[in-house]
Amino acid sequence: SNHPRFVFEFDNRSVQTAINSEDASRVKAGIS
C-alpha cells in the first residue's frame, strides 16, 4: 500500500457479525 498508484481500504467489522443479525445494519453503514 505504499505504492503511489493506489490506497487500500479494509474493514474488519463484518468478521464476527452475521449478515442477517441486528448488528449488521451498523456494520453495513460503516462499510458503505
Full PDB file with SEQRES, HELIX, SHEET, SSBOND, CRYST1, ORIGX, SCALE, CONECT and MASTER records, all heavy atoms in Angstrom:
SEQRES   1 A   32  SER ASN HIS PRO ARG PHE VAL PHE GLU PHE ASP ASN ARG          
SEQRES   2 A   32  SER VAL GLN THR ALA ILE ASN SER GLU ASP ALA SER ARG          
SEQRES   3 A   32  VAL LYS ALA GLY ILE SER                                      
HELIX    1 AA1 ALA A   24  ILE A   31  1                                   8    
CRYST1    1.000    1.000    1.000  90.00  90.00  90.00 P 1           1          
ORIGX1      1.000000  0.000000  0.000000        0.00000                         
ORIGX2      0.000000  1.000000  0.000000        0.00000                         
ORIGX3      0.000000  0.000000  1.000000        0.00000                         
SCALE1      1.000000  0.000000  0.000000        0.00000                         
SCALE2      0.000000  1.000000  0.000000        0.00000                         
SCALE3      0.000000  0.000000  1.000000        0.00000                         
ATOM      1  N   SER A   1       0.791  -1.232   0.000  1.00  0.00           N  
ATOM      2  CA  SER A   1       0.000   0.000   0.000  1.00  0.00           C  
ATOM      3  C   SER A   1       0.822   1.281   0.000  1.00  0.00           C  
ATOM      4  O   SER A   1       0.264   2.362  -0.143  1.00  0.00           O  
ATOM      5  CB  SER A   1      -0.986   0.019   1.176  1.00  0.00           C  
ATOM      6  OG  SER A   1      -0.293   0.158   2.391  1.00  0.00           O  
ATOM      7  N   ASN A   2       2.133   1.186   0.117  1.00  0.00           N  
ATOM      8  CA  ASN A   2       2.948   2.401  -0.001  1.00  0.00           C  
ATOM      9  C   ASN A   2       3.209   2.761  -1.459  1.00  0.00           C  
ATOM     10  O   ASN A   2       3.851   3.746  -1.748  1.00  0.00           O  
ATOM     11  CB  ASN A   2       4.272   2.246   0.765  1.00  0.00           C  
ATOM     12  CG  ASN A   2       5.136   1.134   0.213  1.00  0.00           C  
ATOM     13  OD1 ASN A   2       4.754   0.426  -0.707  1.00  0.00           O  
ATOM     14  ND2 ASN A   2       6.305   0.974   0.788  1.00  0.00           N  
ATOM     15  N   HIS A   3       2.670   1.949  -2.381  1.00  0.00           N  
ATOM     16  CA  HIS A   3       2.801   2.251  -3.807  1.00  0.00           C  
ATOM     17  C   HIS A   3       2.008   3.528  -4.104  1.00  0.00           C  
ATOM     18  O   HIS A   3       0.869   3.665  -3.661  1.00  0.00           O  
ATOM     19  CB  HIS A   3       2.269   1.079  -4.632  1.00  0.00           C  
ATOM     20  CG  HIS A   3       2.661   1.143  -6.067  1.00  0.00           C  
ATOM     21  ND1 HIS A   3       2.093   2.011  -6.952  1.00  0.00           N  
ATOM     22  CD2 HIS A   3       3.590   0.460  -6.758  1.00  0.00           C  
ATOM     23  CE1 HIS A   3       2.636   1.852  -8.132  1.00  0.00           C  
ATOM     24  NE2 HIS A   3       3.555   0.900  -8.041  1.00  0.00           N  
ATOM     25  N   PRO A   4       2.559   4.454  -4.852  1.00  0.00           N  
ATOM     26  CA  PRO A   4       1.875   5.733  -5.083  1.00  0.00           C  
ATOM     27  C   PRO A   4       0.622   5.641  -5.952  1.00  0.00           C  
ATOM     28  O   PRO A   4      -0.163   6.577  -5.997  1.00  0.00           O  
ATOM     29  CB  PRO A   4       2.943   6.584  -5.776  1.00  0.00           C  
ATOM     30  CG  PRO A   4       3.881   5.599  -6.392  1.00  0.00           C  
ATOM     31  CD  PRO A   4       3.882   4.404  -5.481  1.00  0.00           C  
ATOM     32  N   ARG A   5       0.373   4.506  -6.595  1.00  0.00           N  
ATOM     33  CA  ARG A   5      -0.748   4.413  -7.516  1.00  0.00           C  
ATOM     34  C   ARG A   5      -2.049   3.971  -6.871  1.00  0.00           C  
ATOM     35  O   ARG A   5      -3.090   4.030  -7.497  1.00  0.00           O  
ATOM     36  CB  ARG A   5      -0.400   3.442  -8.655  1.00  0.00           C  
ATOM     37  CG  ARG A   5       0.822   3.849  -9.431  1.00  0.00           C  
ATOM     38  CD  ARG A   5       0.612   4.381 -10.809  1.00  0.00           C  
ATOM     39  NE  ARG A   5      -0.387   3.819 -11.627  1.00  0.00           N  
ATOM     40  CZ  ARG A   5      -0.215   2.784 -12.454  1.00  0.00           C  
ATOM     41  NH1 ARG A   5       0.939   2.167 -12.528  1.00  0.00           N  
ATOM     42  NH2 ARG A   5      -1.202   2.378 -13.207  1.00  0.00           N  
ATOM     43  N   PHE A   6      -1.996   3.461  -5.635  1.00  0.00           N  
ATOM     44  CA  PHE A   6      -3.247   3.068  -5.002  1.00  0.00           C  
ATOM     45  C   PHE A   6      -3.183   3.135  -3.493  1.00  0.00           C  
ATOM     46  O   PHE A   6      -2.131   3.081  -2.893  1.00  0.00           O  
ATOM     47  CB  PHE A   6      -3.713   1.672  -5.442  1.00  0.00           C  
ATOM     48  CG  PHE A   6      -2.675   0.595  -5.395  1.00  0.00           C  
ATOM     49  CD1 PHE A   6      -2.251   0.068  -4.190  1.00  0.00           C  
ATOM     50  CD2 PHE A   6      -2.134   0.103  -6.558  1.00  0.00           C  
ATOM     51  CE1 PHE A   6      -1.310  -0.934  -4.148  1.00  0.00           C  
ATOM     52  CE2 PHE A   6      -1.181  -0.902  -6.529  1.00  0.00           C  
ATOM     53  CZ  PHE A   6      -0.772  -1.421  -5.335  1.00  0.00           C  
ATOM     54  N   VAL A   7      -4.374   3.292  -2.918  1.00  0.00           N  
ATOM     55  CA  VAL A   7      -4.559   3.311  -1.470  1.00  0.00           C  
ATOM     56  C   VAL A   7      -5.602   2.240  -1.175  1.00  0.00           C  
ATOM     57  O   VAL A   7      -6.677   2.235  -1.759  1.00  0.00           O  
ATOM     58  CB  VAL A   7      -5.062   4.687  -0.995  1.00  0.00           C  
ATOM     59  CG1 VAL A   7      -5.359   4.660   0.499  1.00  0.00           C  
ATOM     60  CG2 VAL A   7      -4.081   5.774  -1.349  1.00  0.00           C  
ATOM     61  N   PHE A   8      -5.286   1.309  -0.280  1.00  0.00           N  
ATOM     62  CA  PHE A   8      -6.207   0.235   0.052  1.00  0.00           C  
ATOM     63  C   PHE A   8      -7.000   0.576   1.304  1.00  0.00           C  
ATOM     64  O   PHE A   8      -6.470   1.146   2.246  1.00  0.00           O  
ATOM     65  CB  PHE A   8      -5.455  -1.078   0.289  1.00  0.00           C  
ATOM     66  CG  PHE A   8      -4.838  -1.645  -0.947  1.00  0.00           C  
ATOM     67  CD1 PHE A   8      -3.471  -1.816  -1.037  1.00  0.00           C  
ATOM     68  CD2 PHE A   8      -5.622  -2.025  -2.020  1.00  0.00           C  
ATOM     69  CE1 PHE A   8      -2.894  -2.357  -2.169  1.00  0.00           C  
ATOM     70  CE2 PHE A   8      -5.059  -2.567  -3.161  1.00  0.00           C  
ATOM     71  CZ  PHE A   8      -3.693  -2.729  -3.235  1.00  0.00           C  
ATOM     72  N   GLU A   9      -8.278   0.211   1.297  1.00  0.00           N  
ATOM     73  CA  GLU A   9      -9.161   0.356   2.449  1.00  0.00           C  
ATOM     74  C   GLU A   9      -9.630  -1.033   2.869  1.00  0.00           C  
ATOM     75  O   GLU A   9     -10.041  -1.833   2.030  1.00  0.00           O  
ATOM     76  CB  GLU A   9     -10.387   1.199   2.103  1.00  0.00           C  
ATOM     77  CG  GLU A   9     -10.084   2.657   1.854  1.00  0.00           C  
ATOM     78  CD  GLU A   9      -9.761   3.420   3.119  1.00  0.00           C  
ATOM     79  OE1 GLU A   9     -10.173   2.994   4.212  1.00  0.00           O  
ATOM     80  OE2 GLU A   9      -9.091   4.448   3.010  1.00  0.00           O  
ATOM     81  N   PHE A  10      -9.589  -1.293   4.150  1.00  0.00           N  
ATOM     82  CA  PHE A  10     -10.038  -2.573   4.691  1.00  0.00           C  
ATOM     83  C   PHE A  10     -11.074  -2.297   5.771  1.00  0.00           C  
ATOM     84  O   PHE A  10     -11.035  -1.270   6.422  1.00  0.00           O  
ATOM     85  CB  PHE A  10      -8.868  -3.336   5.326  1.00  0.00           C  
ATOM     86  CG  PHE A  10      -7.737  -3.593   4.383  1.00  0.00           C  
ATOM     87  CD1 PHE A  10      -6.686  -2.695   4.291  1.00  0.00           C  
ATOM     88  CD2 PHE A  10      -7.724  -4.724   3.594  1.00  0.00           C  
ATOM     89  CE1 PHE A  10      -5.634  -2.931   3.422  1.00  0.00           C  
ATOM     90  CE2 PHE A  10      -6.673  -4.972   2.725  1.00  0.00           C  
ATOM     91  CZ  PHE A  10      -5.628  -4.085   2.640  1.00  0.00           C  
ATOM     92  N   ASP A  11     -11.975  -3.220   5.957  1.00  0.00           N  
ATOM     93  CA  ASP A  11     -12.942  -3.107   7.030  1.00  0.00           C  
ATOM     94  C   ASP A  11     -13.146  -4.487   7.622  1.00  0.00           C  
ATOM     95  O   ASP A  11     -13.568  -5.397   6.926  1.00  0.00           O  
ATOM     96  CB  ASP A  11     -14.270  -2.549   6.528  1.00  0.00           C  
ATOM     97  CG  ASP A  11     -15.123  -2.056   7.664  1.00  0.00           C  
ATOM     98  OD1 ASP A  11     -15.405  -2.863   8.570  1.00  0.00           O  
ATOM     99  OD2 ASP A  11     -15.497  -0.880   7.664  1.00  0.00           O  
ATOM    100  N   ASN A  12     -12.804  -4.652   8.875  1.00  0.00           N  
ATOM    101  CA  ASN A  12     -12.882  -5.959   9.518  1.00  0.00           C  
ATOM    102  C   ASN A  12     -14.116  -6.126  10.400  1.00  0.00           C  
ATOM    103  O   ASN A  12     -14.220  -7.101  11.121  1.00  0.00           O  
ATOM    104  CB  ASN A  12     -11.626  -6.191  10.366  1.00  0.00           C  
ATOM    105  CG  ASN A  12     -10.399  -6.303   9.509  1.00  0.00           C  
ATOM    106  OD1 ASN A  12     -10.432  -6.876   8.436  1.00  0.00           O  
ATOM    107  ND2 ASN A  12      -9.307  -5.740   9.982  1.00  0.00           N  
ATOM    108  N   ARG A  13     -15.039  -5.199  10.342  1.00  0.00           N  
ATOM    109  CA  ARG A  13     -16.175  -5.264  11.259  1.00  0.00           C  
ATOM    110  C   ARG A  13     -17.136  -6.405  10.973  1.00  0.00           C  
ATOM    111  O   ARG A  13     -17.862  -6.824  11.850  1.00  0.00           O  
ATOM    112  CB  ARG A  13     -16.927  -3.938  11.240  1.00  0.00           C  
ATOM    113  CG  ARG A  13     -16.172  -2.852  11.964  1.00  0.00           C  
ATOM    114  CD  ARG A  13     -16.903  -1.578  11.901  1.00  0.00           C  
ATOM    115  NE  ARG A  13     -16.616  -0.967  10.609  1.00  0.00           N  
ATOM    116  CZ  ARG A  13     -16.884   0.278  10.312  1.00  0.00           C  
ATOM    117  NH1 ARG A  13     -17.462   1.045  11.188  1.00  0.00           N  
ATOM    118  NH2 ARG A  13     -16.577   0.761   9.137  1.00  0.00           N  
ATOM    119  N   SER A  14     -17.168  -6.915   9.758  1.00  0.00           N  
ATOM    120  CA  SER A  14     -18.123  -7.971   9.434  1.00  0.00           C  
ATOM    121  C   SER A  14     -17.657  -9.347   9.885  1.00  0.00           C  
ATOM    122  O   SER A  14     -18.410 -10.308   9.816  1.00  0.00           O  
ATOM    123  CB  SER A  14     -18.410  -7.994   7.938  1.00  0.00           C  
ATOM    124  OG  SER A  14     -17.234  -8.316   7.217  1.00  0.00           O  
ATOM    125  N   VAL A  15     -16.441  -9.459  10.362  1.00  0.00           N  
ATOM    126  CA  VAL A  15     -15.847 -10.757  10.665  1.00  0.00           C  
ATOM    127  C   VAL A  15     -16.708 -11.592  11.603  1.00  0.00           C  
ATOM    128  O   VAL A  15     -16.959 -12.757  11.343  1.00  0.00           O  
ATOM    129  CB  VAL A  15     -14.434 -10.589  11.260  1.00  0.00           C  
ATOM    130  CG1 VAL A  15     -13.859 -11.931  11.652  1.00  0.00           C  
ATOM    131  CG2 VAL A  15     -13.526  -9.901  10.263  1.00  0.00           C  
ATOM    132  N   GLN A  16     -17.160 -11.035  12.686  1.00  0.00           N  
ATOM    133  CA  GLN A  16     -17.914 -11.801  13.673  1.00  0.00           C  
ATOM    134  C   GLN A  16     -19.409 -11.484  13.657  1.00  0.00           C  
ATOM    135  O   GLN A  16     -20.134 -11.898  14.555  1.00  0.00           O  
ATOM    136  CB  GLN A  16     -17.352 -11.531  15.080  1.00  0.00           C  
ATOM    137  CG  GLN A  16     -15.899 -11.902  15.240  1.00  0.00           C  
ATOM    138  CD  GLN A  16     -15.652 -13.391  15.050  1.00  0.00           C  
ATOM    139  OE1 GLN A  16     -16.458 -14.234  15.411  1.00  0.00           O  
ATOM    140  NE2 GLN A  16     -14.517 -13.719  14.453  1.00  0.00           N  
ATOM    141  N   THR A  17     -19.871 -10.761  12.666  1.00  0.00           N  
ATOM    142  CA  THR A  17     -21.271 -10.347  12.612  1.00  0.00           C  
ATOM    143  C   THR A  17     -21.992 -11.060  11.477  1.00  0.00           C  
ATOM    144  O   THR A  17     -21.561 -10.970  10.329  1.00  0.00           O  
ATOM    145  CB  THR A  17     -21.377  -8.821  12.397  1.00  0.00           C  
ATOM    146  OG1 THR A  17     -20.617  -8.165  13.417  1.00  0.00           O  
ATOM    147  CG2 THR A  17     -22.813  -8.361  12.445  1.00  0.00           C  
ATOM    148  N   ALA A  18     -23.075 -11.757  11.770  1.00  0.00           N  
ATOM    149  CA  ALA A  18     -23.866 -12.403  10.729  1.00  0.00           C  
ATOM    150  C   ALA A  18     -24.571 -11.332   9.911  1.00  0.00           C  
ATOM    151  O   ALA A  18     -25.052 -10.331  10.457  1.00  0.00           O  
ATOM    152  CB  ALA A  18     -24.879 -13.354  11.351  1.00  0.00           C  
ATOM    153  N   ILE A  19     -24.639 -11.530   8.611  1.00  0.00           N  
ATOM    154  CA  ILE A  19     -25.208 -10.517   7.722  1.00  0.00           C  
ATOM    155  C   ILE A  19     -26.690 -10.271   8.005  1.00  0.00           C  
ATOM    156  O   ILE A  19     -27.217  -9.209   7.712  1.00  0.00           O  
ATOM    157  CB  ILE A  19     -24.968 -10.879   6.248  1.00  0.00           C  
ATOM    158  CG1 ILE A  19     -25.164  -9.649   5.366  1.00  0.00           C  
ATOM    159  CG2 ILE A  19     -25.833 -12.054   5.823  1.00  0.00           C  
ATOM    160  CD1 ILE A  19     -24.573  -9.751   3.997  1.00  0.00           C  
ATOM    161  N   ASN A  20     -27.368 -11.228   8.613  1.00  0.00           N  
ATOM    162  CA  ASN A  20     -28.789 -11.062   8.924  1.00  0.00           C  
ATOM    163  C   ASN A  20     -29.034 -10.765  10.402  1.00  0.00           C  
ATOM    164  O   ASN A  20     -30.149 -10.841  10.881  1.00  0.00           O  
ATOM    165  CB  ASN A  20     -29.575 -12.300   8.493  1.00  0.00           C  
ATOM    166  CG  ASN A  20     -29.064 -13.564   9.145  1.00  0.00           C  
ATOM    167  OD1 ASN A  20     -28.074 -13.538   9.878  1.00  0.00           O  
ATOM    168  ND2 ASN A  20     -29.723 -14.673   8.866  1.00  0.00           N  
ATOM    169  N   SER A  21     -27.984 -10.390  11.133  1.00  0.00           N  
ATOM    170  CA  SER A  21     -28.141 -10.087  12.557  1.00  0.00           C  
ATOM    171  C   SER A  21     -28.598  -8.645  12.752  1.00  0.00           C  
ATOM    172  O   SER A  21     -28.579  -7.840  11.827  1.00  0.00           O  
ATOM    173  CB  SER A  21     -26.823 -10.304  13.301  1.00  0.00           C  
ATOM    174  OG  SER A  21     -25.925  -9.254  13.002  1.00  0.00           O  
ATOM    175  N   GLU A  22     -28.968  -8.319  13.986  1.00  0.00           N  
ATOM    176  CA  GLU A  22     -29.380  -6.958  14.302  1.00  0.00           C  
ATOM    177  C   GLU A  22     -28.219  -5.976  14.179  1.00  0.00           C  
ATOM    178  O   GLU A  22     -28.424  -4.799  13.904  1.00  0.00           O  
ATOM    179  CB  GLU A  22     -29.970  -6.904  15.713  1.00  0.00           C  
ATOM    180  CG  GLU A  22     -31.303  -7.616  15.827  1.00  0.00           C  
ATOM    181  CD  GLU A  22     -31.877  -7.558  17.234  1.00  0.00           C  
ATOM    182  OE1 GLU A  22     -31.450  -6.703  18.025  1.00  0.00           O  
ATOM    183  OE2 GLU A  22     -32.766  -8.384  17.519  1.00  0.00           O  
ATOM    184  N   ASP A  23     -27.003  -6.444  14.398  1.00  0.00           N  
ATOM    185  CA  ASP A  23     -25.818  -5.582  14.293  1.00  0.00           C  
ATOM    186  C   ASP A  23     -25.399  -5.324  12.849  1.00  0.00           C  
ATOM    187  O   ASP A  23     -24.581  -4.447  12.580  1.00  0.00           O  
ATOM    188  CB  ASP A  23     -24.634  -6.205  15.030  1.00  0.00           C  
ATOM    189  CG  ASP A  23     -24.858  -6.249  16.526  1.00  0.00           C  
ATOM    190  OD1 ASP A  23     -25.619  -5.404  17.041  1.00  0.00           O  
ATOM    191  OD2 ASP A  23     -24.273  -7.133  17.175  1.00  0.00           O  
ATOM    192  N   ALA A  24     -25.934  -6.090  11.912  1.00  0.00           N  
ATOM    193  CA  ALA A  24     -25.480  -5.992  10.525  1.00  0.00           C  
ATOM    194  C   ALA A  24     -25.724  -4.612   9.921  1.00  0.00           C  
ATOM    195  O   ALA A  24     -24.904  -4.127   9.136  1.00  0.00           O  
ATOM    196  CB  ALA A  24     -26.151  -7.060   9.674  1.00  0.00           C  
ATOM    197  N   SER A  25     -26.795  -3.951  10.271  1.00  0.00           N  
ATOM    198  CA  SER A  25     -27.076  -2.639   9.672  1.00  0.00           C  
ATOM    199  C   SER A  25     -25.997  -1.624  10.050  1.00  0.00           C  
ATOM    200  O   SER A  25     -25.589  -0.795   9.229  1.00  0.00           O  
ATOM    201  CB  SER A  25     -28.460  -2.127  10.059  1.00  0.00           C  
ATOM    202  OG  SER A  25     -28.555  -1.968  11.450  1.00  0.00           O  
ATOM    203  N   ARG A  26     -25.501  -1.703  11.270  1.00  0.00           N  
ATOM    204  CA  ARG A  26     -24.428  -0.804  11.710  1.00  0.00           C  
ATOM    205  C   ARG A  26     -23.139  -1.126  10.953  1.00  0.00           C  
ATOM    206  O   ARG A  26     -22.432  -0.229  10.508  1.00  0.00           O  
ATOM    207  CB  ARG A  26     -24.232  -0.945  13.218  1.00  0.00           C  
ATOM    208  CG  ARG A  26     -23.257   0.041  13.809  1.00  0.00           C  
ATOM    209  CD  ARG A  26     -23.239  -0.010  15.343  1.00  0.00           C  
ATOM    210  NE  ARG A  26     -23.512  -1.299  15.938  1.00  0.00           N  
ATOM    211  CZ  ARG A  26     -22.578  -2.228  16.191  1.00  0.00           C  
ATOM    212  NH1 ARG A  26     -21.330  -1.992  15.914  1.00  0.00           N  
ATOM    213  NH2 ARG A  26     -22.911  -3.370  16.755  1.00  0.00           N  
ATOM    214  N   VAL A  27     -22.865  -2.409  10.789  1.00  0.00           N  
ATOM    215  CA  VAL A  27     -21.672  -2.825  10.061  1.00  0.00           C  
ATOM    216  C   VAL A  27     -21.776  -2.404   8.600  1.00  0.00           C  
ATOM    217  O   VAL A  27     -20.828  -1.859   8.023  1.00  0.00           O  
ATOM    218  CB  VAL A  27     -21.464  -4.355  10.177  1.00  0.00           C  
ATOM    219  CG1 VAL A  27     -20.319  -4.823   9.294  1.00  0.00           C  
ATOM    220  CG2 VAL A  27     -21.214  -4.736  11.634  1.00  0.00           C  
ATOM    221  N   LYS A  28     -22.938  -2.617   7.997  1.00  0.00           N  
ATOM    222  CA  LYS A  28     -23.145  -2.230   6.597  1.00  0.00           C  
ATOM    223  C   LYS A  28     -22.969  -0.725   6.406  1.00  0.00           C  
ATOM    224  O   LYS A  28     -22.396  -0.282   5.410  1.00  0.00           O  
ATOM    225  CB  LYS A  28     -24.531  -2.652   6.117  1.00  0.00           C  
ATOM    226  CG  LYS A  28     -24.650  -4.144   5.897  1.00  0.00           C  
ATOM    227  CD  LYS A  28     -26.069  -4.503   5.471  1.00  0.00           C  
ATOM    228  CE  LYS A  28     -26.226  -5.984   5.258  1.00  0.00           C  
ATOM    229  NZ  LYS A  28     -27.602  -6.345   4.869  1.00  0.00           N  
ATOM    230  N   ALA A  29     -23.435   0.060   7.356  1.00  0.00           N  
ATOM    231  CA  ALA A  29     -23.276   1.512   7.264  1.00  0.00           C  
ATOM    232  C   ALA A  29     -21.799   1.897   7.285  1.00  0.00           C  
ATOM    233  O   ALA A  29     -21.358   2.765   6.523  1.00  0.00           O  
ATOM    234  CB  ALA A  29     -24.030   2.208   8.389  1.00  0.00           C  
ATOM    235  N   GLY A  30     -21.034   1.258   8.148  1.00  0.00           N  
ATOM    236  CA  GLY A  30     -19.604   1.540   8.222  1.00  0.00           C  
ATOM    237  C   GLY A  30     -18.868   1.133   6.959  1.00  0.00           C  
ATOM    238  O   GLY A  30     -18.019   1.867   6.448  1.00  0.00           O  
ATOM    239  N   ILE A  31     -19.203  -0.038   6.447  1.00  0.00           N  
ATOM    240  CA  ILE A  31     -18.588  -0.498   5.210  1.00  0.00           C  
ATOM    241  C   ILE A  31     -18.980   0.416   4.054  1.00  0.00           C  
ATOM    242  O   ILE A  31     -18.130   0.806   3.241  1.00  0.00           O  
ATOM    243  CB  ILE A  31     -18.986  -1.963   4.923  1.00  0.00           C  
ATOM    244  CG1 ILE A  31     -18.332  -2.898   5.946  1.00  0.00           C  
ATOM    245  CG2 ILE A  31     -18.589  -2.368   3.504  1.00  0.00           C  
ATOM    246  CD1 ILE A  31     -18.825  -4.333   5.877  1.00  0.00           C  
ATOM    247  N   SER A  32     -20.246   0.773   3.985  1.00  0.00           N  
ATOM    248  CA  SER A  32     -20.709   1.662   2.910  1.00  0.00           C  
ATOM    249  C   SER A  32     -19.975   2.992   2.938  1.00  0.00           C  
ATOM    250  O   SER A  32     -19.623   3.532   1.883  1.00  0.00           O  
ATOM    251  CB  SER A  32     -22.218   1.913   3.031  1.00  0.00           C  
ATOM    252  OG  SER A  32     -22.939   0.760   2.687  1.00  0.00           O  
TER     253      SER A  32                                                      
MASTER        0    0    0    1    0    0    0    6  252    1    0    3          
END                                                                             
